[in-house]
Amino acid sequence: MIHARIRTFTQDLLDIAETVVDMLSRALTDPGYQTSEHISTFKRIEREITLKEIGLEERCLTFLAMEHPAAIDLRTMVSIMKTKDDLKRINDLTLHIIERLADLRSELFESFEFGKTGMLTIRMIERSMHAFISKELDYTSEVYTLDDQIHIRLHKVFRIATTLMKSTRIDSDQLLSALSISRHLGLITDHTSNIARTTHYLVTGEIIPRHPSFDNQLTASLDISTN
């Protein structure tokens, strides 16, 4: 019975992840897609995801209080709740990206290659969840590789955008929107890497220290470029 309940929680977590990925994918398909009507639709989906996350958390807490699982079962429950929290933050950040995309001109969206970066980010999320569900740690290596690739792309956006701000050729509000989108994508990769680390904990019981956050890495890279 305990294992059946845990499998149900895991499936519910996967359903949430699939909806989160779908929302991010739809958001980054075309910046011109972000009309006020579509943003309202995204906000409704975001609220639905939040309700699913709250429901999963409540059921997990009730299960822990009533069943008192031990050993690997307890570790699985902790991992499910940690991953749920990271998916929640990815969901929140996706909505912030959607709101910023509504203010960004399509030519800037293309020039900064947000579509390609977004697809890499989606692949990273999918790989992290595949690792979690399958408990195959080989997939976590791909997650970390994608993390590095995405950060390189986003750091480039920051360098270009901050340089362009020194001229009057491009509206600074447009560049600020681009910077905001870049930062939110970087934070999404942080939470996705957390899922990979949680998978390592789930499989081995070992806790992997977190790497410097995207914000810290960005600050360091900008300091180096200005010296």
C-alpha atoms as a PDB file:
ATOM      1  CA  MET A   1       0.000   0.000   0.000  1.00  0.00           C
ATOM      2  CA  ILE A   2       2.811   2.411   0.897  1.00  0.00           C
ATOM      3  CA  HIS A   3       4.616   1.793  -2.365  1.00  0.00           C
ATOM      4  CA  ALA A   4       1.399   2.216  -4.346  1.00  0.00           C
ATOM      5  CA  ARG A   5       0.812   5.595  -2.690  1.00  0.00           C
ATOM      6  CA  ILE A   6       4.365   6.694  -3.439  1.00  0.00           C
ATOM      7  CA  ARG A   7       3.953   5.698  -7.082  1.00  0.00           C
ATOM      8  CA  THR A   8       0.804   7.843  -7.203  1.00  0.00           C
ATOM      9  CA  PHE A   9       2.691  10.824  -5.754  1.00  0.00           C
ATOM     10  CA  THR A  10       5.470  10.316  -8.287  1.00  0.00           C
ATOM     11  CA  GLN A  11       2.992  10.239 -11.169  1.00  0.00           C
ATOM     12  CA  ASP A  12       1.326  13.410  -9.874  1.00  0.00           C
ATOM     13  CA  LEU A  13       4.755  15.065  -9.768  1.00  0.00           C
ATOM     14  CA  LEU A  14       5.426  14.004 -13.342  1.00  0.00           C
ATOM     15  CA  ASP A  15       2.066  15.416 -14.460  1.00  0.00           C
ATOM     16  CA  ILE A  16       2.969  18.764 -12.884  1.00  0.00           C
ATOM     17  CA  ALA A  17       6.369  18.732 -14.609  1.00  0.00           C
ATOM     18  CA  GLU A  18       4.802  18.015 -18.006  1.00  0.00           C
ATOM     19  CA  THR A  19       2.413  20.968 -17.610  1.00  0.00           C
ATOM     20  CA  VAL A  20       5.248  23.261 -16.514  1.00  0.00           C
ATOM     21  CA  VAL A  21       7.325  22.235 -19.544  1.00  0.00           C
ATOM     22  CA  ASP A  22       4.362  22.720 -21.876  1.00  0.00           C
ATOM     23  CA  MET A  23       3.742  26.208 -20.494  1.00  0.00           C
ATOM     24  CA  LEU A  24       7.378  27.242 -20.983  1.00  0.00           C
ATOM     25  CA  SER A  25       7.450  25.717 -24.467  1.00  0.00           C
ATOM     26  CA  ARG A  26       4.315  27.586 -25.545  1.00  0.00           C
ATOM     27  CA  ALA A  27       5.660  30.821 -24.086  1.00  0.00           C
ATOM     28  CA  LEU A  28       8.890  30.664 -26.086  1.00  0.00           C
ATOM     29  CA  THR A  29       7.376  29.550 -29.380  1.00  0.00           C
ATOM     30  CA  ASP A  30       6.822  33.076 -30.687  1.00  0.00           C
ATOM     31  CA  PRO A  31       7.119  36.412 -28.844  1.00  0.00           C
ATOM     32  CA  GLY A  32       4.285  37.802 -30.951  1.00  0.00           C
ATOM     33  CA  TYR A  33       2.020  35.201 -29.401  1.00  0.00           C
ATOM     34  CA  GLN A  34       1.964  37.099 -26.093  1.00  0.00           C
ATOM     35  CA  THR A  35      -1.260  39.101 -26.321  1.00  0.00           C
ATOM     36  CA  SER A  36      -3.191  40.166 -23.225  1.00  0.00           C
ATOM     37  CA  GLU A  37      -5.685  37.358 -23.878  1.00  0.00           C
ATOM     38  CA  HIS A  38      -2.979  34.728 -24.053  1.00  0.00           C
ATOM     39  CA  ILE A  39      -1.250  36.084 -20.953  1.00  0.00           C
ATOM     40  CA  SER A  40      -4.550  35.657 -19.091  1.00  0.00           C
ATOM     41  CA  THR A  41      -4.642  32.052 -20.291  1.00  0.00           C
ATOM     42  CA  PHE A  42      -1.108  31.476 -19.044  1.00  0.00           C
ATOM     43  CA  LYS A  43      -2.012  32.958 -15.657  1.00  0.00           C
ATOM     44  CA  ARG A  44      -4.965  30.591 -15.417  1.00  0.00           C
ATOM     45  CA  ILE A  45      -2.719  27.621 -16.210  1.00  0.00           C
ATOM     46  CA  GLU A  46      -0.190  28.879 -13.658  1.00  0.00           C
ATOM     47  CA  ARG A  47      -2.901  28.966 -10.989  1.00  0.00           C
ATOM     48  CA  GLU A  48      -4.004  25.439 -11.914  1.00  0.00           C
ATOM     49  CA  ILE A  49      -0.421  24.199 -11.557  1.00  0.00           C
ATOM     50  CA  THR A  50      -0.138  25.936  -8.187  1.00  0.00           C
ATOM     51  CA  LEU A  51      -3.299  24.217  -6.954  1.00  0.00           C
ATOM     52  CA  LYS A  52      -1.928  20.834  -8.058  1.00  0.00           C
ATOM     53  CA  GLU A  53       1.323  21.559  -6.229  1.00  0.00           C
ATOM     54  CA  ILE A  54      -0.520  22.540  -3.054  1.00  0.00           C
ATOM     55  CA  GLY A  55      -2.684  19.423  -3.271  1.00  0.00           C
ATOM     56  CA  LEU A  56       0.369  17.181  -3.732  1.00  0.00           C
ATOM     57  CA  GLU A  57       2.147  18.783  -0.779  1.00  0.00           C
ATOM     58  CA  GLU A  58      -0.869  18.331   1.499  1.00  0.00           C
ATOM     59  CA  ARG A  59      -1.238  14.670   0.550  1.00  0.00           C
ATOM     60  CA  CYS A  60       2.484  14.047   1.031  1.00  0.00           C
ATOM     61  CA  LEU A  61       2.447  15.639   4.490  1.00  0.00           C
ATOM     62  CA  THR A  62      -0.614  13.615   5.499  1.00  0.00           C
ATOM     63  CA  PHE A  63       1.089  10.446   4.244  1.00  0.00           C
ATOM     64  CA  LEU A  64       4.240  11.202   6.246  1.00  0.00           C
ATOM     65  CA  ALA A  65       2.224  11.889   9.392  1.00  0.00           C
ATOM     66  CA  MET A  66       0.072   8.767   9.093  1.00  0.00           C
ATOM     67  CA  GLU A  67       2.438   6.163   7.640  1.00  0.00           C
ATOM     68  CA  HIS A  68       5.829   7.146   9.155  1.00  0.00           C
ATOM     69  CA  PRO A  69       7.844   5.728   6.224  1.00  0.00           C
ATOM     70  CA  ALA A  70      11.491   4.857   6.864  1.00  0.00           C
ATOM     71  CA  ALA A  71      14.711   4.351   4.910  1.00  0.00           C
ATOM     72  CA  ILE A  72      14.316   4.546   1.122  1.00  0.00           C
ATOM     73  CA  ASP A  73      10.588   5.315   1.314  1.00  0.00           C
ATOM     74  CA  LEU A  74      11.231   8.362   3.485  1.00  0.00           C
ATOM     75  CA  ARG A  75      14.037   9.466   1.161  1.00  0.00           C
ATOM     76  CA  THR A  76      11.671   9.155  -1.803  1.00  0.00           C
ATOM     77  CA  MET A  77       9.034  11.280  -0.115  1.00  0.00           C
ATOM     78  CA  VAL A  78      11.578  13.968   0.778  1.00  0.00           C
ATOM     79  CA  SER A  79      12.806  13.930  -2.833  1.00  0.00           C
ATOM     80  CA  ILE A  80       9.286  14.267  -4.214  1.00  0.00           C
ATOM     81  CA  MET A  81       8.609  17.291  -2.020  1.00  0.00           C
ATOM     82  CA  LYS A  82      11.945  18.938  -2.854  1.00  0.00           C
ATOM     83  CA  THR A  83      11.368  18.428  -6.580  1.00  0.00           C
ATOM     84  CA  LYS A  84       7.825  19.746  -6.250  1.00  0.00           C
ATOM     85  CA  ASP A  85       9.228  22.949  -4.726  1.00  0.00           C
ATOM     86  CA  ASP A  86      11.695  23.390  -7.602  1.00  0.00           C
ATOM     87  CA  LEU A  87       8.927  22.855 -10.163  1.00  0.00           C
ATOM     88  CA  LYS A  88       6.861  25.483  -8.370  1.00  0.00           C
ATOM     89  CA  ARG A  89       9.676  28.022  -8.699  1.00  0.00           C
ATOM     90  CA  ILE A  90      10.144  27.110 -12.385  1.00  0.00           C
ATOM     91  CA  ASN A  91       6.416  27.682 -12.848  1.00  0.00           C
ATOM     92  CA  ASP A  92       6.619  31.110 -11.171  1.00  0.00           C
ATOM     93  CA  LEU A  93       9.654  32.128 -13.235  1.00  0.00           C
ATOM     94  CA  THR A  94       7.957  31.022 -16.450  1.00  0.00           C
ATOM     95  CA  LEU A  95       5.085  33.410 -15.783  1.00  0.00           C
ATOM     96  CA  HIS A  96       7.578  36.241 -15.224  1.00  0.00           C
ATOM     97  CA  ILE A  97       9.172  35.399 -18.593  1.00  0.00           C
ATOM     98  CA  ILE A  98       5.777  35.425 -20.297  1.00  0.00           C
ATOM     99  CA  GLU A  99       4.992  38.871 -18.914  1.00  0.00           C
ATOM    100  CA  ARG A 100       8.355  40.207 -20.098  1.00  0.00           C
ATOM    101  CA  LEU A 101       8.024  38.626 -23.552  1.00  0.00           C
ATOM    102  CA  ALA A 102       4.911  40.722 -24.108  1.00  0.00           C
ATOM    103  CA  ASP A 103       7.143  43.828 -24.010  1.00  0.00           C
ATOM    104  CA  LEU A 104       9.944  42.479 -26.212  1.00  0.00           C
ATOM    105  CA  ARG A 105      10.058  43.097 -29.958  1.00  0.00           C
ATOM    106  CA  SER A 106      10.315  39.968 -32.088  1.00  0.00           C
ATOM    107  CA  GLU A 107      13.581  41.071 -33.740  1.00  0.00           C
ATOM    108  CA  LEU A 108      15.288  41.291 -30.356  1.00  0.00           C
ATOM    109  CA  PHE A 109      13.825  37.936 -29.365  1.00  0.00           C
ATOM    110  CA  GLU A 110      15.453  36.451 -32.467  1.00  0.00           C
ATOM    111  CA  SER A 111      18.762  38.291 -32.171  1.00  0.00           C
ATOM    112  CA  PHE A 112      19.253  37.111 -28.585  1.00  0.00           C
ATOM    113  CA  GLU A 113      18.238  33.557 -29.620  1.00  0.00           C
ATOM    114  CA  PHE A 114      15.789  33.142 -26.755  1.00  0.00           C
ATOM    115  CA  GLY A 115      13.932  30.482 -28.734  1.00  0.00           C
ATOM    116  CA  LYS A 116      17.013  28.248 -28.984  1.00  0.00           C
ATOM    117  CA  THR A 117      18.013  28.884 -25.385  1.00  0.00           C
ATOM    118  CA  GLY A 118      14.471  28.118 -24.289  1.00  0.00           C
ATOM    119  CA  MET A 119      14.506  24.791 -26.124  1.00  0.00           C
ATOM    120  CA  LEU A 120      17.759  23.843 -24.378  1.00  0.00           C
ATOM    121  CA  THR A 121      16.166  24.818 -21.057  1.00  0.00           C
ATOM    122  CA  ILE A 122      13.121  22.671 -21.782  1.00  0.00           C
ATOM    123  CA  ARG A 123      15.360  19.739 -22.691  1.00  0.00           C
ATOM    124  CA  MET A 124      17.224  20.257 -19.419  1.00  0.00           C
ATOM    125  CA  ILE A 125      13.993  20.097 -17.405  1.00  0.00           C
ATOM    126  CA  GLU A 126      12.837  17.001 -19.285  1.00  0.00           C
ATOM    127  CA  ARG A 127      16.178  15.247 -18.708  1.00  0.00           C
ATOM    128  CA  SER A 128      16.156  16.091 -15.009  1.00  0.00           C
ATOM    129  CA  MET A 129      12.678  14.617 -14.599  1.00  0.00           C
ATOM    130  CA  HIS A 130      13.611  11.553 -16.657  1.00  0.00           C
ATOM    131  CA  ALA A 131      16.546  11.028 -14.314  1.00  0.00           C
ATOM    132  CA  PHE A 132      14.268  11.399 -11.293  1.00  0.00           C
ATOM    133  CA  ILE A 133      11.647   8.959 -12.558  1.00  0.00           C
ATOM    134  CA  SER A 134      14.080   6.360 -13.932  1.00  0.00           C
ATOM    135  CA  LYS A 135      16.661   6.841 -11.146  1.00  0.00           C
ATOM    136  CA  GLU A 136      19.362   6.738 -13.832  1.00  0.00           C
ATOM    137  CA  LEU A 137      22.176   9.050 -12.760  1.00  0.00           C
ATOM    138  CA  ASP A 138      23.673   9.108 -16.272  1.00  0.00           C
ATOM    139  CA  TYR A 139      20.946  11.560 -17.250  1.00  0.00           C
ATOM    140  CA  THR A 140      22.045  13.984 -14.539  1.00  0.00           C
ATOM    141  CA  SER A 141      25.382  14.436 -16.331  1.00  0.00           C
ATOM    142  CA  GLU A 142      23.512  15.698 -19.386  1.00  0.00           C
ATOM    143  CA  VAL A 143      21.569  18.086 -17.154  1.00  0.00           C
ATOM    144  CA  TYR A 144      24.789  19.646 -15.846  1.00  0.00           C
ATOM    145  CA  THR A 145      26.221  19.869 -19.378  1.00  0.00           C
ATOM    146  CA  LEU A 146      23.107  21.676 -20.610  1.00  0.00           C
ATOM    147  CA  ASP A 147      23.318  23.965 -17.588  1.00  0.00           C
ATOM    148  CA  ASP A 148      26.803  25.066 -18.634  1.00  0.00           C
ATOM    149  CA  GLN A 149      25.752  25.570 -22.272  1.00  0.00           C
ATOM    150  CA  ILE A 150      22.726  27.664 -21.326  1.00  0.00           C
ATOM    151  CA  HIS A 151      24.702  29.834 -18.914  1.00  0.00           C
ATOM    152  CA  ILE A 152      27.253  30.610 -21.632  1.00  0.00           C
ATOM    153  CA  ARG A 153      24.433  31.753 -23.934  1.00  0.00           C
ATOM    154  CA  LEU A 154      22.765  33.848 -21.236  1.00  0.00           C
ATOM    155  CA  HIS A 155      26.026  35.479 -20.133  1.00  0.00           C
ATOM    156  CA  LYS A 156      26.525  36.502 -23.773  1.00  0.00           C
ATOM    157  CA  VAL A 157      23.079  38.135 -23.798  1.00  0.00           C
ATOM    158  CA  PHE A 158      23.972  40.122 -20.685  1.00  0.00           C
ATOM    159  CA  ARG A 159      27.264  41.326 -22.182  1.00  0.00           C
ATOM    160  CA  ILE A 160      25.637  42.381 -25.458  1.00  0.00           C
ATOM    161  CA  ALA A 161      22.627  44.030 -23.816  1.00  0.00           C
ATOM    162  CA  THR A 162      24.695  46.008 -21.312  1.00  0.00           C
ATOM    163  CA  THR A 163      26.967  47.185 -24.139  1.00  0.00           C
ATOM    164  CA  LEU A 164      23.982  48.264 -26.259  1.00  0.00           C
ATOM    165  CA  MET A 165      22.611  50.253 -23.328  1.00  0.00           C
ATOM    166  CA  LYS A 166      25.503  52.651 -23.762  1.00  0.00           C
ATOM    167  CA  SER A 167      24.103  53.684 -27.144  1.00  0.00           C
ATOM    168  CA  THR A 168      20.742  55.227 -28.034  1.00  0.00           C
ATOM    169  CA  ARG A 169      19.985  52.912 -30.943  1.00  0.00           C
ATOM    170  CA  ILE A 170      17.781  50.539 -28.936  1.00  0.00           C
ATOM    171  CA  ASP A 171      15.117  51.391 -26.375  1.00  0.00           C
ATOM    172  CA  SER A 172      16.562  50.691 -22.926  1.00  0.00           C
ATOM    173  CA  ASP A 173      13.214  49.243 -21.791  1.00  0.00           C
ATOM    174  CA  GLN A 174      13.547  46.583 -24.499  1.00  0.00           C
ATOM    175  CA  LEU A 175      17.026  45.708 -23.290  1.00  0.00           C
ATOM    176  CA  LEU A 176      15.845  45.570 -19.688  1.00  0.00           C
ATOM    177  CA  SER A 177      13.142  43.106 -20.736  1.00  0.00           C
ATOM    178  CA  ALA A 178      15.796  40.984 -22.479  1.00  0.00           C
ATOM    179  CA  LEU A 179      17.979  41.063 -19.366  1.00  0.00           C
ATOM    180  CA  SER A 180      15.037  40.074 -17.183  1.00  0.00           C
ATOM    181  CA  ILE A 181      14.157  37.126 -19.449  1.00  0.00           C
ATOM    182  CA  SER A 182      17.784  35.999 -19.407  1.00  0.00           C
ATOM    183  CA  ARG A 183      17.966  36.138 -15.629  1.00  0.00           C
ATOM    184  CA  HIS A 184      14.723  34.196 -15.201  1.00  0.00           C
ATOM    185  CA  LEU A 185      15.907  31.508 -17.627  1.00  0.00           C
ATOM    186  CA  GLY A 186      19.140  31.287 -15.640  1.00  0.00           C
ATOM    187  CA  LEU A 187      17.217  30.866 -12.396  1.00  0.00           C
ATOM    188  CA  ILE A 188      15.126  28.124 -14.019  1.00  0.00           C
ATOM    189  CA  THR A 189      18.352  26.244 -14.778  1.00  0.00           C
ATOM    190  CA  ASP A 190      19.341  26.596 -11.101  1.00  0.00           C
ATOM    191  CA  HIS A 191      16.133  24.881 -10.003  1.00  0.00           C
ATOM    192  CA  THR A 192      16.495  22.246 -12.718  1.00  0.00           C
ATOM    193  CA  SER A 193      19.999  21.433 -11.498  1.00  0.00           C
ATOM    194  CA  ASN A 194      18.512  21.127  -8.011  1.00  0.00           C
ATOM    195  CA  ILE A 195      16.228  18.383  -9.354  1.00  0.00           C
ATOM    196  CA  ALA A 196      19.278  16.525 -10.695  1.00  0.00           C
ATOM    197  CA  ARG A 197      20.992  16.827  -7.303  1.00  0.00           C
ATOM    198  CA  THR A 198      17.832  15.600  -5.598  1.00  0.00           C
ATOM    199  CA  THR A 199      17.897  12.576  -7.902  1.00  0.00           C
ATOM    200  CA  HIS A 200      21.449  11.833  -6.769  1.00  0.00           C
ATOM    201  CA  TYR A 201      20.259  12.037  -3.150  1.00  0.00           C
ATOM    202  CA  LEU A 202      17.301   9.784  -3.942  1.00  0.00           C
ATOM    203  CA  VAL A 203      19.497   7.105  -5.500  1.00  0.00           C
ATOM    204  CA  THR A 204      22.563   7.245  -3.252  1.00  0.00           C
ATOM    205  CA  GLY A 205      21.526   9.055  -0.083  1.00  0.00           C
ATOM    206  CA  GLU A 206      24.396  11.504  -0.642  1.00  0.00           C
ATOM    207  CA  ILE A 207      23.844  15.267  -0.759  1.00  0.00           C
ATOM    208  CA  ILE A 208      25.739  17.091  -3.523  1.00  0.00           C
ATOM    209  CA  PRO A 209      26.688  20.682  -2.620  1.00  0.00           C
ATOM    210  CA  ARG A 210      25.029  23.327  -4.768  1.00  0.00           C
ATOM    211  CA  HIS A 211      27.098  25.151  -7.356  1.00  0.00           C
ATOM    212  CA  PRO A 212      27.159  28.966  -7.367  1.00  0.00           C
ATOM    213  CA  SER A 213      23.781  30.324  -8.488  1.00  0.00           C
ATOM    214  CA  PHE A 214      23.281  31.845 -11.925  1.00  0.00           C
ATOM    215  CA  ASP A 215      23.248  35.324 -10.370  1.00  0.00           C
ATOM    216  CA  ASN A 216      26.593  34.703  -8.645  1.00  0.00           C
ATOM    217  CA  GLN A 217      28.138  33.256 -11.805  1.00  0.00           C
ATOM    218  CA  LEU A 218      26.836  36.187 -13.829  1.00  0.00           C
ATOM    219  CA  THR A 219      28.271  38.729 -11.401  1.00  0.00           C
ATOM    220  CA  ALA A 220      31.623  36.985 -11.500  1.00  0.00           C
ATOM    221  CA  SER A 221      31.671  36.847 -15.315  1.00  0.00           C
ATOM    222  CA  LEU A 222      30.745  40.526 -15.642  1.00  0.00           C
ATOM    223  CA  ASP A 223      33.441  41.491 -13.129  1.00  0.00           C
ATOM    224  CA  ILE A 224      36.017  39.573 -15.162  1.00  0.00           C
ATOM    225  CA  SER A 225      34.883  41.139 -18.460  1.00  0.00           C
ATOM    226  CA  THR A 226      35.168  44.687 -17.069  1.00  0.00           C
ATOM    227  CA  ASN A 227      38.651  44.186 -15.599  1.00  0.00           C
END
